[in-house]
Amino acid sequence: FGSPRTPGALELGHFDVLETLGRGGFGVVVKAFDQKLRRVVAIKMMSAEAAATSPARKRFVREARAAAAITHDNVVRIYAVEELPTPHLVMEFVPGGSLQGLLDRTGPLAAPDVLRLG
């Protein structure tokens, strides 16, 4: 985890982007390495189209602040919210797959599993 920056790697401030974790209509989530704190994080970035409107940018920051106020074992920790160069949210990286990936592999979940995950 203490490796120097890789020449040509995609960077966002002091974060080295390692891989894309997911995409949606609002933006992209990437796995990144925080060079300052020497840890892996997840970064949710707004798409350029969404970031172009002021209401969307304000909503993104407002939702990030609300999420940062929550402290619970089942909620990822929010480390930072930034508005430049594009709005992005730095949060705890939790290894593992997505719920959608699980559903794709196994099909619908049994009621006890839904209750446990919910």
PDB file of N, CA and C in Angstrom:
ATOM      1  N   PHE A   1       0.813  -1.206   0.000  1.00  0.00           N
ATOM      2  CA  PHE A   1       0.000   0.000   0.000  1.00  0.00           C
ATOM      3  C   PHE A   1       0.849   1.260   0.000  1.00  0.00           C
ATOM      4  N   GLY A   2       2.101   1.166   0.236  1.00  0.00           N
ATOM      5  CA  GLY A   2       2.943   2.345   0.286  1.00  0.00           C
ATOM      6  C   GLY A   2       3.672   2.603  -1.006  1.00  0.00           C
ATOM      7  N   SER A   3       3.186   2.059  -2.111  1.00  0.00           N
ATOM      8  CA  SER A   3       3.893   2.175  -3.371  1.00  0.00           C
ATOM      9  C   SER A   3       3.813   3.587  -3.934  1.00  0.00           C
ATOM     10  N   PRO A   4       4.879   4.008  -4.665  1.00  0.00           N
ATOM     11  CA  PRO A   4       4.848   5.330  -5.303  1.00  0.00           C
ATOM     12  C   PRO A   4       3.841   5.349  -6.433  1.00  0.00           C
ATOM     13  N   ARG A   5       3.520   6.516  -6.873  1.00  0.00           N
ATOM     14  CA  ARG A   5       2.540   6.657  -7.957  1.00  0.00           C
ATOM     15  C   ARG A   5       3.029   6.004  -9.233  1.00  0.00           C
ATOM     16  N   THR A   6       2.089   5.414  -9.930  1.00  0.00           N
ATOM     17  CA  THR A   6       2.389   4.770 -11.197  1.00  0.00           C
ATOM     18  C   THR A   6       2.305   5.817 -12.300  1.00  0.00           C
ATOM     19  N   PRO A   7       3.389   5.986 -13.086  1.00  0.00           N
ATOM     20  CA  PRO A   7       3.334   6.958 -14.182  1.00  0.00           C
ATOM     21  C   PRO A   7       2.188   6.639 -15.136  1.00  0.00           C
ATOM     22  N   GLY A   8       1.430   7.659 -15.506  1.00  0.00           N
ATOM     23  CA  GLY A   8       0.328   7.491 -16.436  1.00  0.00           C
ATOM     24  C   GLY A   8      -0.970   7.044 -15.791  1.00  0.00           C
ATOM     25  N   ALA A   9      -0.953   6.755 -14.482  1.00  0.00           N
ATOM     26  CA  ALA A   9      -2.185   6.335 -13.807  1.00  0.00           C
ATOM     27  C   ALA A   9      -3.130   7.518 -13.680  1.00  0.00           C
ATOM     28  N   LEU A  10      -4.409   7.243 -13.720  1.00  0.00           N
ATOM     29  CA  LEU A  10      -5.417   8.283 -13.558  1.00  0.00           C
ATOM     30  C   LEU A  10      -5.389   8.760 -12.120  1.00  0.00           C
ATOM     31  N   GLU A  11      -5.326  10.075 -11.927  1.00  0.00           N
ATOM     32  CA  GLU A  11      -5.255  10.658 -10.596  1.00  0.00           C
ATOM     33  C   GLU A  11      -6.397  11.634 -10.392  1.00  0.00           C
ATOM     34  N   LEU A  12      -6.849  11.723  -9.152  1.00  0.00           N
ATOM     35  CA  LEU A  12      -7.829  12.714  -8.738  1.00  0.00           C
ATOM     36  C   LEU A  12      -7.275  13.300  -7.446  1.00  0.00           C
ATOM     37  N   GLY A  13      -6.610  14.444  -7.565  1.00  0.00           N
ATOM     38  CA  GLY A  13      -5.940  15.014  -6.406  1.00  0.00           C
ATOM     39  C   GLY A  13      -4.878  14.058  -5.900  1.00  0.00           C
ATOM     40  N   HIS A  14      -4.945  13.706  -4.621  1.00  0.00           N
ATOM     41  CA  HIS A  14      -3.959  12.778  -4.045  1.00  0.00           C
ATOM     42  C   HIS A  14      -4.442  11.325  -4.068  1.00  0.00           C
ATOM     43  N   PHE A  15      -5.409  11.046  -4.928  1.00  0.00           N
ATOM     44  CA  PHE A  15      -5.938   9.691  -5.076  1.00  0.00           C
ATOM     45  C   PHE A  15      -5.511   9.107  -6.414  1.00  0.00           C
ATOM     46  N   ASP A  16      -5.031   7.869  -6.395  1.00  0.00           N
ATOM     47  CA  ASP A  16      -4.723   7.136  -7.618  1.00  0.00           C
ATOM     48  C   ASP A  16      -5.897   6.204  -7.905  1.00  0.00           C
ATOM     49  N   VAL A  17      -6.552   6.393  -9.036  1.00  0.00           N
ATOM     50  CA  VAL A  17      -7.703   5.557  -9.402  1.00  0.00           C
ATOM     51  C   VAL A  17      -7.196   4.186  -9.831  1.00  0.00           C
ATOM     52  N   LEU A  18      -7.723   3.137  -9.183  1.00  0.00           N
ATOM     53  CA  LEU A  18      -7.292   1.769  -9.440  1.00  0.00           C
ATOM     54  C   LEU A  18      -8.200   1.033 -10.408  1.00  0.00           C
ATOM     55  N   GLU A  19      -9.519   1.202 -10.231  1.00  0.00           N
ATOM     56  CA  GLU A  19     -10.466   0.532 -11.122  1.00  0.00           C
ATOM     57  C   GLU A  19     -11.857   1.130 -10.959  1.00  0.00           C
ATOM     58  N   THR A  20     -12.692   0.897 -11.960  1.00  0.00           N
ATOM     59  CA  THR A  20     -14.088   1.316 -11.896  1.00  0.00           C
ATOM     60  C   THR A  20     -14.887   0.211 -11.226  1.00  0.00           C
ATOM     61  N   LEU A  21     -15.682   0.594 -10.223  1.00  0.00           N
ATOM     62  CA  LEU A  21     -16.505  -0.374  -9.503  1.00  0.00           C
ATOM     63  C   LEU A  21     -17.926  -0.432 -10.046  1.00  0.00           C
ATOM     64  N   GLY A  22     -18.437   0.703 -10.529  1.00  0.00           N
ATOM     65  CA  GLY A  22     -19.792   0.722 -11.049  1.00  0.00           C
ATOM     66  C   GLY A  22     -20.115   2.036 -11.719  1.00  0.00           C
ATOM     67  N   ARG A  23     -21.145   2.002 -12.550  1.00  0.00           N
ATOM     68  CA  ARG A  23     -21.612   3.199 -13.259  1.00  0.00           C
ATOM     69  C   ARG A  23     -23.114   3.287 -13.127  1.00  0.00           C
ATOM     70  N   GLY A  24     -23.611   4.508 -13.117  1.00  0.00           N
ATOM     71  CA  GLY A  24     -25.045   4.739 -13.085  1.00  0.00           C
ATOM     72  C   GLY A  24     -25.366   6.006 -13.828  1.00  0.00           C
ATOM     73  N   GLY A  25     -26.621   6.395 -13.824  1.00  0.00           N
ATOM     74  CA  GLY A  25     -27.043   7.587 -14.535  1.00  0.00           C
ATOM     75  C   GLY A  25     -26.479   8.863 -13.943  1.00  0.00           C
ATOM     76  N   PHE A  26     -26.117   8.807 -12.666  1.00  0.00           N
ATOM     77  CA  PHE A  26     -25.662  10.007 -11.962  1.00  0.00           C
ATOM     78  C   PHE A  26     -24.145  10.143 -11.963  1.00  0.00           C
ATOM     79  N   GLY A  27     -23.433   9.024 -12.238  1.00  0.00           N
ATOM     80  CA  GLY A  27     -21.981   9.103 -12.227  1.00  0.00           C
ATOM     81  C   GLY A  27     -21.322   7.745 -12.178  1.00  0.00           C
ATOM     82  N   VAL A  28     -20.136   7.717 -11.580  1.00  0.00           N
ATOM     83  CA  VAL A  28     -19.316   6.517 -11.534  1.00  0.00           C
ATOM     84  C   VAL A  28     -18.708   6.377 -10.137  1.00  0.00           C
ATOM     85  N   VAL A  29     -18.497   5.125  -9.726  1.00  0.00           N
ATOM     86  CA  VAL A  29     -17.817   4.849  -8.466  1.00  0.00           C
ATOM     87  C   VAL A  29     -16.528   4.108  -8.807  1.00  0.00           C
ATOM     88  N   VAL A  30     -15.408   4.593  -8.254  1.00  0.00           N
ATOM     89  CA  VAL A  30     -14.118   3.984  -8.511  1.00  0.00           C
ATOM     90  C   VAL A  30     -13.457   3.570  -7.203  1.00  0.00           C
ATOM     91  N   LYS A  31     -12.583   2.604  -7.307  1.00  0.00           N
ATOM     92  CA  LYS A  31     -11.706   2.215  -6.207  1.00  0.00           C
ATOM     93  C   LYS A  31     -10.427   3.002  -6.407  1.00  0.00           C
ATOM     94  N   ALA A  32      -9.908   3.608  -5.328  1.00  0.00           N
ATOM     95  CA  ALA A  32      -8.723   4.444  -5.455  1.00  0.00           C
ATOM     96  C   ALA A  32      -7.820   4.269  -4.242  1.00  0.00           C
ATOM     97  N   PHE A  33      -6.570   4.658  -4.404  1.00  0.00           N
ATOM     98  CA  PHE A  33      -5.609   4.624  -3.305  1.00  0.00           C
ATOM     99  C   PHE A  33      -5.330   6.050  -2.859  1.00  0.00           C
ATOM    100  N   ASP A  34      -5.542   6.307  -1.575  1.00  0.00           N
ATOM    101  CA  ASP A  34      -5.306   7.621  -0.975  1.00  0.00           C
ATOM    102  C   ASP A  34      -3.821   7.707  -0.623  1.00  0.00           C
ATOM    103  N   GLN A  35      -3.084   8.519  -1.377  1.00  0.00           N
ATOM    104  CA  GLN A  35      -1.641   8.651  -1.163  1.00  0.00           C
ATOM    105  C   GLN A  35      -1.309   9.293   0.189  1.00  0.00           C
ATOM    106  N   LYS A  36      -2.145  10.185   0.672  1.00  0.00           N
ATOM    107  CA  LYS A  36      -1.871  10.861   1.943  1.00  0.00           C
ATOM    108  C   LYS A  36      -2.047   9.937   3.137  1.00  0.00           C
ATOM    109  N   LEU A  37      -3.163   9.201   3.173  1.00  0.00           N
ATOM    110  CA  LEU A  37      -3.467   8.357   4.328  1.00  0.00           C
ATOM    111  C   LEU A  37      -3.107   6.895   4.104  1.00  0.00           C
ATOM    112  N   ARG A  38      -2.621   6.557   2.897  1.00  0.00           N
ATOM    113  CA  ARG A  38      -2.169   5.215   2.579  1.00  0.00           C
ATOM    114  C   ARG A  38      -3.249   4.160   2.822  1.00  0.00           C
ATOM    115  N   ARG A  39      -4.406   4.401   2.214  1.00  0.00           N
ATOM    116  CA  ARG A  39      -5.495   3.441   2.335  1.00  0.00           C
ATOM    117  C   ARG A  39      -6.313   3.434   1.051  1.00  0.00           C
ATOM    118  N   VAL A  40      -7.026   2.330   0.851  1.00  0.00           N
ATOM    119  CA  VAL A  40      -7.904   2.186  -0.306  1.00  0.00           C
ATOM    120  C   VAL A  40      -9.257   2.787   0.061  1.00  0.00           C
ATOM    121  N   VAL A  41      -9.832   3.551  -0.863  1.00  0.00           N
ATOM    122  CA  VAL A  41     -11.119   4.199  -0.655  1.00  0.00           C
ATOM    123  C   VAL A  41     -11.992   3.981  -1.887  1.00  0.00           C
ATOM    124  N   ALA A  42     -13.259   4.304  -1.754  1.00  0.00           N
ATOM    125  CA  ALA A  42     -14.174   4.348  -2.896  1.00  0.00           C
ATOM    126  C   ALA A  42     -14.502   5.815  -3.136  1.00  0.00           C
ATOM    127  N   ILE A  43     -14.556   6.210  -4.387  1.00  0.00           N
ATOM    128  CA  ILE A  43     -14.885   7.591  -4.731  1.00  0.00           C
ATOM    129  C   ILE A  43     -16.072   7.590  -5.682  1.00  0.00           C
ATOM    130  N   LYS A  44     -17.138   8.274  -5.286  1.00  0.00           N
ATOM    131  CA  LYS A  44     -18.320   8.425  -6.125  1.00  0.00           C
ATOM    132  C   LYS A  44     -18.211   9.790  -6.791  1.00  0.00           C
ATOM    133  N   MET A  45     -18.149   9.795  -8.114  1.00  0.00           N
ATOM    134  CA  MET A  45     -17.994  11.037  -8.872  1.00  0.00           C
ATOM    135  C   MET A  45     -19.222  11.298  -9.725  1.00  0.00           C
ATOM    136  N   MET A  46     -19.657  12.533  -9.742  1.00  0.00           N
ATOM    137  CA  MET A  46     -20.784  12.905 -10.603  1.00  0.00           C
ATOM    138  C   MET A  46     -20.352  12.876 -12.054  1.00  0.00           C
ATOM    139  N   SER A  47     -21.255  12.521 -12.922  1.00  0.00           N
ATOM    140  CA  SER A  47     -20.972  12.601 -14.352  1.00  0.00           C
ATOM    141  C   SER A  47     -20.887  14.077 -14.753  1.00  0.00           C
ATOM    142  N   ALA A  48     -20.211  14.336 -15.851  1.00  0.00           N
ATOM    143  CA  ALA A  48     -20.081  15.711 -16.329  1.00  0.00           C
ATOM    144  C   ALA A  48     -21.449  16.312 -16.628  1.00  0.00           C
ATOM    145  N   GLU A  49     -22.368  15.495 -17.160  1.00  0.00           N
ATOM    146  CA  GLU A  49     -23.702  15.978 -17.492  1.00  0.00           C
ATOM    147  C   GLU A  49     -24.461  16.383 -16.226  1.00  0.00           C
ATOM    148  N   ALA A  50     -24.397  15.548 -15.199  1.00  0.00           N
ATOM    149  CA  ALA A  50     -25.100  15.856 -13.950  1.00  0.00           C
ATOM    150  C   ALA A  50     -24.454  17.041 -13.241  1.00  0.00           C
ATOM    151  N   ALA A  51     -23.125  17.122 -13.301  1.00  0.00           N
ATOM    152  CA  ALA A  51     -22.400  18.195 -12.612  1.00  0.00           C
ATOM    153  C   ALA A  51     -22.606  19.550 -13.281  1.00  0.00           C
ATOM    154  N   ALA A  52     -23.136  19.547 -14.495  1.00  0.00           N
ATOM    155  CA  ALA A  52     -23.309  20.797 -15.232  1.00  0.00           C
ATOM    156  C   ALA A  52     -24.450  21.653 -14.689  1.00  0.00           C
ATOM    157  N   THR A  53     -25.357  21.054 -13.930  1.00  0.00           N
ATOM    158  CA  THR A  53     -26.476  21.824 -13.399  1.00  0.00           C
ATOM    159  C   THR A  53     -26.278  22.103 -11.913  1.00  0.00           C
ATOM    160  N   SER A  54     -26.543  23.315 -11.531  1.00  0.00           N
ATOM    161  CA  SER A  54     -26.367  23.723 -10.141  1.00  0.00           C
ATOM    162  C   SER A  54     -27.255  22.953  -9.172  1.00  0.00           C
ATOM    163  N   PRO A  55     -28.544  22.714  -9.482  1.00  0.00           N
ATOM    164  CA  PRO A  55     -29.373  21.951  -8.547  1.00  0.00           C
ATOM    165  C   PRO A  55     -28.831  20.543  -8.281  1.00  0.00           C
ATOM    166  N   ALA A  56     -28.324  19.873  -9.308  1.00  0.00           N
ATOM    167  CA  ALA A  56     -27.778  18.527  -9.134  1.00  0.00           C
ATOM    168  C   ALA A  56     -26.529  18.569  -8.261  1.00  0.00           C
ATOM    169  N   ARG A  57     -25.667  19.555  -8.474  1.00  0.00           N
ATOM    170  CA  ARG A  57     -24.456  19.695  -7.656  1.00  0.00           C
ATOM    171  C   ARG A  57     -24.817  19.946  -6.202  1.00  0.00           C
ATOM    172  N   LYS A  58     -25.786  20.821  -5.967  1.00  0.00           N
ATOM    173  CA  LYS A  58     -26.207  21.134  -4.595  1.00  0.00           C
ATOM    174  C   LYS A  58     -26.819  19.914  -3.923  1.00  0.00           C
ATOM    175  N   ARG A  59     -27.626  19.148  -4.669  1.00  0.00           N
ATOM    176  CA  ARG A  59     -28.252  17.950  -4.123  1.00  0.00           C
ATOM    177  C   ARG A  59     -27.186  16.906  -3.759  1.00  0.00           C
ATOM    178  N   PHE A  60     -26.174  16.761  -4.610  1.00  0.00           N
ATOM    179  CA  PHE A  60     -25.089  15.821  -4.368  1.00  0.00           C
ATOM    180  C   PHE A  60     -24.364  16.165  -3.062  1.00  0.00           C
ATOM    181  N   VAL A  61     -24.024  17.425  -2.883  1.00  0.00           N
ATOM    182  CA  VAL A  61     -23.326  17.857  -1.667  1.00  0.00           C
ATOM    183  C   VAL A  61     -24.231  17.705  -0.444  1.00  0.00           C
ATOM    184  N   ARG A  62     -25.505  18.053  -0.575  1.00  0.00           N
ATOM    185  CA  ARG A  62     -26.447  17.933   0.542  1.00  0.00           C
ATOM    186  C   ARG A  62     -26.590  16.463   0.966  1.00  0.00           C
ATOM    187  N   GLU A  63     -26.717  15.555  -0.002  1.00  0.00           N
ATOM    188  CA  GLU A  63     -26.838  14.133   0.315  1.00  0.00           C
ATOM    189  C   GLU A  63     -25.550  13.595   0.930  1.00  0.00           C
ATOM    190  N   ALA A  64     -24.406  14.073   0.474  1.00  0.00           N
ATOM    191  CA  ALA A  64     -23.130  13.642   1.047  1.00  0.00           C
ATOM    192  C   ALA A  64     -23.019  14.077   2.503  1.00  0.00           C
ATOM    193  N   ARG A  65     -23.431  15.290   2.794  1.00  0.00           N
ATOM    194  CA  ARG A  65     -23.391  15.777   4.179  1.00  0.00           C
ATOM    195  C   ARG A  65     -24.342  14.972   5.065  1.00  0.00           C
ATOM    196  N   ALA A  66     -25.498  14.640   4.545  1.00  0.00           N
ATOM    197  CA  ALA A  66     -26.453  13.842   5.317  1.00  0.00           C
ATOM    198  C   ALA A  66     -25.886  12.454   5.585  1.00  0.00           C
ATOM    199  N   ALA A  67     -25.279  11.845   4.585  1.00  0.00           N
ATOM    200  CA  ALA A  67     -24.684  10.513   4.762  1.00  0.00           C
ATOM    201  C   ALA A  67     -23.515  10.559   5.743  1.00  0.00           C
ATOM    202  N   ALA A  68     -22.747  11.631   5.714  1.00  0.00           N
ATOM    203  CA  ALA A  68     -21.604  11.767   6.620  1.00  0.00           C
ATOM    204  C   ALA A  68     -22.038  11.894   8.074  1.00  0.00           C
ATOM    205  N   ALA A  69     -23.263  12.328   8.301  1.00  0.00           N
ATOM    206  CA  ALA A  69     -23.762  12.497   9.669  1.00  0.00           C
ATOM    207  C   ALA A  69     -24.177  11.176  10.303  1.00  0.00           C
ATOM    208  N   ILE A  70     -24.254  10.111   9.504  1.00  0.00           N
ATOM    209  CA  ILE A  70     -24.698   8.806  10.006  1.00  0.00           C
ATOM    210  C   ILE A  70     -23.492   7.990  10.447  1.00  0.00           C
ATOM    211  N   THR A  71     -23.563   7.449  11.648  1.00  0.00           N
ATOM    212  CA  THR A  71     -22.539   6.533  12.138  1.00  0.00           C
ATOM    213  C   THR A  71     -23.221   5.226  12.507  1.00  0.00           C
ATOM    214  N   HIS A  72     -22.948   4.190  11.719  1.00  0.00           N
ATOM    215  CA  HIS A  72     -23.567   2.884  11.954  1.00  0.00           C
ATOM    216  C   HIS A  72     -22.683   1.825  11.303  1.00  0.00           C
ATOM    217  N   ASP A  73     -22.627   0.653  11.902  1.00  0.00           N
ATOM    218  CA  ASP A  73     -21.798  -0.429  11.364  1.00  0.00           C
ATOM    219  C   ASP A  73     -22.194  -0.848   9.953  1.00  0.00           C
ATOM    220  N   ASN A  74     -23.450  -0.646   9.580  1.00  0.00           N
ATOM    221  CA  ASN A  74     -23.922  -1.061   8.265  1.00  0.00           C
ATOM    222  C   ASN A  74     -23.959   0.062   7.237  1.00  0.00           C
ATOM    223  N   VAL A  75     -23.347   1.180   7.555  1.00  0.00           N
ATOM    224  CA  VAL A  75     -23.301   2.318   6.638  1.00  0.00           C
ATOM    225  C   VAL A  75     -21.841   2.703   6.433  1.00  0.00           C
ATOM    226  N   VAL A  76     -21.424   2.846   5.170  1.00  0.00           N
ATOM    227  CA  VAL A  76     -20.025   3.214   4.914  1.00  0.00           C
ATOM    228  C   VAL A  76     -19.729   4.597   5.477  1.00  0.00           C
ATOM    229  N   ARG A  77     -18.501   4.768   5.906  1.00  0.00           N
ATOM    230  CA  ARG A  77     -18.064   6.058   6.439  1.00  0.00           C
ATOM    231  C   ARG A  77     -17.721   6.998   5.299  1.00  0.00           C
ATOM    232  N   ILE A  78     -18.114   8.247   5.445  1.00  0.00           N
ATOM    233  CA  ILE A  78     -17.796   9.272   4.464  1.00  0.00           C
ATOM    234  C   ILE A  78     -16.565  10.009   4.968  1.00  0.00           C
ATOM    235  N   TYR A  79     -15.521  10.055   4.139  1.00  0.00           N
ATOM    236  CA  TYR A  79     -14.286  10.715   4.545  1.00  0.00           C
ATOM    237  C   TYR A  79     -14.212  12.163   4.076  1.00  0.00           C
ATOM    238  N   ALA A  80     -14.768  12.437   2.905  1.00  0.00           N
ATOM    239  CA  ALA A  80     -14.691  13.802   2.368  1.00  0.00           C
ATOM    240  C   ALA A  80     -15.705  13.978   1.252  1.00  0.00           C
ATOM    241  N   VAL A  81     -16.117  15.220   1.066  1.00  0.00           N
ATOM    242  CA  VAL A  81     -16.922  15.584  -0.096  1.00  0.00           C
ATOM    243  C   VAL A  81     -16.258  16.808  -0.709  1.00  0.00           C
ATOM    244  N   GLU A  82     -16.023  16.767  -2.004  1.00  0.00           N
ATOM    245  CA  GLU A  82     -15.344  17.848  -2.709  1.00  0.00           C
ATOM    246  C   GLU A  82     -16.183  18.284  -3.902  1.00  0.00           C
ATOM    247  N   GLU A  83     -16.085  19.551  -4.248  1.00  0.00           N
ATOM    248  CA  GLU A  83     -16.847  20.055  -5.392  1.00  0.00           C
ATOM    249  C   GLU A  83     -15.984  20.279  -6.625  1.00  0.00           C
ATOM    250  N   LEU A  84     -14.671  20.296  -6.463  1.00  0.00           N
ATOM    251  CA  LEU A  84     -13.769  20.527  -7.587  1.00  0.00           C
ATOM    252  C   LEU A  84     -12.761  19.396  -7.701  1.00  0.00           C
ATOM    253  N   PRO A  85     -12.328  18.979  -8.867  1.00  0.00           N
ATOM    254  CA  PRO A  85     -12.673  19.527 -10.170  1.00  0.00           C
ATOM    255  C   PRO A  85     -14.089  19.150 -10.607  1.00  0.00           C
ATOM    256  N   THR A  86     -14.583  18.039 -10.132  1.00  0.00           N
ATOM    257  CA  THR A  86     -15.970  17.646 -10.338  1.00  0.00           C
ATOM    258  C   THR A  86     -16.467  17.138  -8.989  1.00  0.00           C
ATOM    259  N   PRO A  87     -17.724  17.308  -8.672  1.00  0.00           N
ATOM    260  CA  PRO A  87     -18.199  16.848  -7.361  1.00  0.00           C
ATOM    261  C   PRO A  87     -17.909  15.359  -7.147  1.00  0.00           C
ATOM    262  N   HIS A  88     -17.301  15.059  -6.008  1.00  0.00           N
ATOM    263  CA  HIS A  88     -17.024  13.665  -5.678  1.00  0.00           C
ATOM    264  C   HIS A  88     -17.055  13.456  -4.175  1.00  0.00           C
ATOM    265  N   LEU A  89     -17.343  12.222  -3.823  1.00  0.00           N
ATOM    266  CA  LEU A  89     -17.512  11.798  -2.443  1.00  0.00           C
ATOM    267  C   LEU A  89     -16.493  10.706  -2.166  1.00  0.00           C
ATOM    268  N   VAL A  90     -15.651  10.898  -1.150  1.00  0.00           N
ATOM    269  CA  VAL A  90     -14.650   9.900  -0.780  1.00  0.00           C
ATOM    270  C   VAL A  90     -15.189   9.134   0.418  1.00  0.00           C
ATOM    271  N   MET A  91     -15.247   7.822   0.284  1.00  0.00           N
ATOM    272  CA  MET A  91     -15.836   7.019   1.351  1.00  0.00           C
ATOM    273  C   MET A  91     -15.050   5.742   1.583  1.00  0.00           C
ATOM    274  N   GLU A  92     -15.413   5.080   2.655  1.00  0.00           N
ATOM    275  CA  GLU A  92     -14.819   3.806   3.013  1.00  0.00           C
ATOM    276  C   GLU A  92     -15.019   2.806   1.877  1.00  0.00           C
ATOM    277  N   PHE A  93     -13.964   2.062   1.565  1.00  0.00           N
ATOM    278  CA  PHE A  93     -14.070   0.985   0.580  1.00  0.00           C
ATOM    279  C   PHE A  93     -14.400  -0.301   1.323  1.00  0.00           C
ATOM    280  N   VAL A  94     -15.460  -0.957   0.906  1.00  0.00           N
ATOM    281  CA  VAL A  94     -15.867  -2.229   1.509  1.00  0.00           C
ATOM    282  C   VAL A  94     -15.685  -3.300   0.436  1.00  0.00           C
ATOM    283  N   PRO A  95     -14.748  -4.220   0.651  1.00  0.00           N
ATOM    284  CA  PRO A  95     -14.531  -5.257  -0.369  1.00  0.00           C
ATOM    285  C   PRO A  95     -15.735  -6.195  -0.463  1.00  0.00           C
ATOM    286  N   GLY A  96     -15.881  -6.776  -1.617  1.00  0.00           N
ATOM    287  CA  GLY A  96     -16.987  -7.708  -1.840  1.00  0.00           C
ATOM    288  C   GLY A  96     -17.780  -7.281  -3.045  1.00  0.00           C
ATOM    289  N   GLY A  97     -18.749  -8.058  -3.377  1.00  0.00           N
ATOM    290  CA  GLY A  97     -19.560  -7.780  -4.551  1.00  0.00           C
ATOM    291  C   GLY A  97     -20.779  -6.942  -4.226  1.00  0.00           C
ATOM    292  N   SER A  98     -21.514  -6.655  -5.251  1.00  0.00           N
ATOM    293  CA  SER A  98     -22.740  -5.872  -5.106  1.00  0.00           C
ATOM    294  C   SER A  98     -23.932  -6.800  -4.888  1.00  0.00           C
ATOM    295  N   LEU A  99     -25.004  -6.235  -4.396  1.00  0.00           N
ATOM    296  CA  LEU A  99     -26.241  -6.997  -4.252  1.00  0.00           C
ATOM    297  C   LEU A  99     -26.712  -7.486  -5.621  1.00  0.00           C
ATOM    298  N   GLN A 100     -26.580  -6.639  -6.643  1.00  0.00           N
ATOM    299  CA  GLN A 100     -26.989  -7.041  -7.985  1.00  0.00           C
ATOM    300  C   GLN A 100     -26.171  -8.229  -8.470  1.00  0.00           C
ATOM    301  N   GLY A 101     -24.878  -8.233  -8.179  1.00  0.00           N
ATOM    302  CA  GLY A 101     -24.036  -9.361  -8.559  1.00  0.00           C
ATOM    303  C   GLY A 101     -24.473 -10.647  -7.884  1.00  0.00           C
ATOM    304  N   LEU A 102     -24.835 -10.548  -6.607  1.00  0.00           N
ATOM    305  CA  LEU A 102     -25.325 -11.712  -5.870  1.00  0.00           C
ATOM    306  C   LEU A 102     -26.620 -12.238  -6.492  1.00  0.00           C
ATOM    307  N   LEU A 103     -27.542 -11.321  -6.807  1.00  0.00           N
ATOM    308  CA  LEU A 103     -28.811 -11.728  -7.421  1.00  0.00           C
ATOM    309  C   LEU A 103     -28.591 -12.358  -8.794  1.00  0.00           C
ATOM    310  N   ASP A 104     -27.642 -11.814  -9.544  1.00  0.00           N
ATOM    311  CA  ASP A 104     -27.342 -12.371 -10.866  1.00  0.00           C
ATOM    312  C   ASP A 104     -26.812 -13.798 -10.750  1.00  0.00           C
ATOM    313  N   ARG A 105     -26.033 -14.071  -9.703  1.00  0.00           N
ATOM    314  CA  ARG A 105     -25.436 -15.394  -9.517  1.00  0.00           C
ATOM    315  C   ARG A 105     -26.414 -16.405  -8.930  1.00  0.00           C
ATOM    316  N   THR A 106     -27.256 -15.952  -7.989  1.00  0.00           N
ATOM    317  CA  THR A 106     -28.064 -16.906  -7.231  1.00  0.00           C
ATOM    318  C   THR A 106     -29.563 -16.838  -7.520  1.00  0.00           C
ATOM    319  N   GLY A 107     -30.007 -15.768  -8.144  1.00  0.00           N
ATOM    320  CA  GLY A 107     -31.442 -15.585  -8.330  1.00  0.00           C
ATOM    321  C   GLY A 107     -32.042 -14.936  -7.094  1.00  0.00           C
ATOM    322  N   PRO A 108     -33.370 -14.927  -6.991  1.00  0.00           N
ATOM    323  CA  PRO A 108     -34.028 -14.280  -5.853  1.00  0.00           C
ATOM    324  C   PRO A 108     -33.558 -14.872  -4.525  1.00  0.00           C
ATOM    325  N   LEU A 109     -33.497 -14.018  -3.520  1.00  0.00           N
ATOM    326  CA  LEU A 109     -33.058 -14.442  -2.192  1.00  0.00           C
ATOM    327  C   LEU A 109     -34.228 -14.970  -1.376  1.00  0.00           C
ATOM    328  N   ALA A 110     -33.925 -15.897  -0.480  1.00  0.00           N
ATOM    329  CA  ALA A 110     -34.923 -16.410   0.461  1.00  0.00           C
ATOM    330  C   ALA A 110     -35.237 -15.320   1.482  1.00  0.00           C
ATOM    331  N   ALA A 111     -36.425 -15.372   2.052  1.00  0.00           N
ATOM    332  CA  ALA A 111     -36.864 -14.355   3.020  1.00  0.00           C
ATOM    333  C   ALA A 111     -35.876 -14.137   4.163  1.00  0.00           C
ATOM    334  N   PRO A 112     -35.300 -15.189   4.771  1.00  0.00           N
ATOM    335  CA  PRO A 112     -34.339 -14.948   5.851  1.00  0.00           C
ATOM    336  C   PRO A 112     -33.108 -14.144   5.390  1.00  0.00           C
ATOM    337  N   ASP A 113     -32.664 -14.393   4.144  1.00  0.00           N
ATOM    338  CA  ASP A 113     -31.517 -13.652   3.611  1.00  0.00           C
ATOM    339  C   ASP A 113     -31.870 -12.198   3.364  1.00  0.00           C
ATOM    340  N   VAL A 114     -33.084 -11.951   2.889  1.00  0.00           N
ATOM    341  CA  VAL A 114     -33.535 -10.575   2.667  1.00  0.00           C
ATOM    342  C   VAL A 114     -33.564  -9.832   3.994  1.00  0.00           C
ATOM    343  N   LEU A 115     -34.089 -10.465   5.028  1.00  0.00           N
ATOM    344  CA  LEU A 115     -34.158  -9.835   6.355  1.00  0.00           C
ATOM    345  C   LEU A 115     -32.756  -9.583   6.913  1.00  0.00           C
ATOM    346  N   ARG A 116     -31.852 -10.536   6.739  1.00  0.00           N
ATOM    347  CA  ARG A 116     -30.477 -10.373   7.242  1.00  0.00           C
ATOM    348  C   ARG A 116     -29.771  -9.224   6.534  1.00  0.00           C
ATOM    349  N   LEU A 117     -29.906  -9.149   5.228  1.00  0.00           N
ATOM    350  CA  LEU A 117     -29.242  -8.098   4.455  1.00  0.00           C
ATOM    351  C   LEU A 117     -29.913  -6.739   4.634  1.00  0.00           C
ATOM    352  N   GLY A 118     -31.231  -6.763   4.826  1.00  0.00           N
ATOM    353  CA  GLY A 118     -31.967  -5.512   4.975  1.00  0.00           C
ATOM    354  C   GLY A 118     -31.667  -4.845   6.282  1.00  0.00           C
TER     355      GLY A 118
END
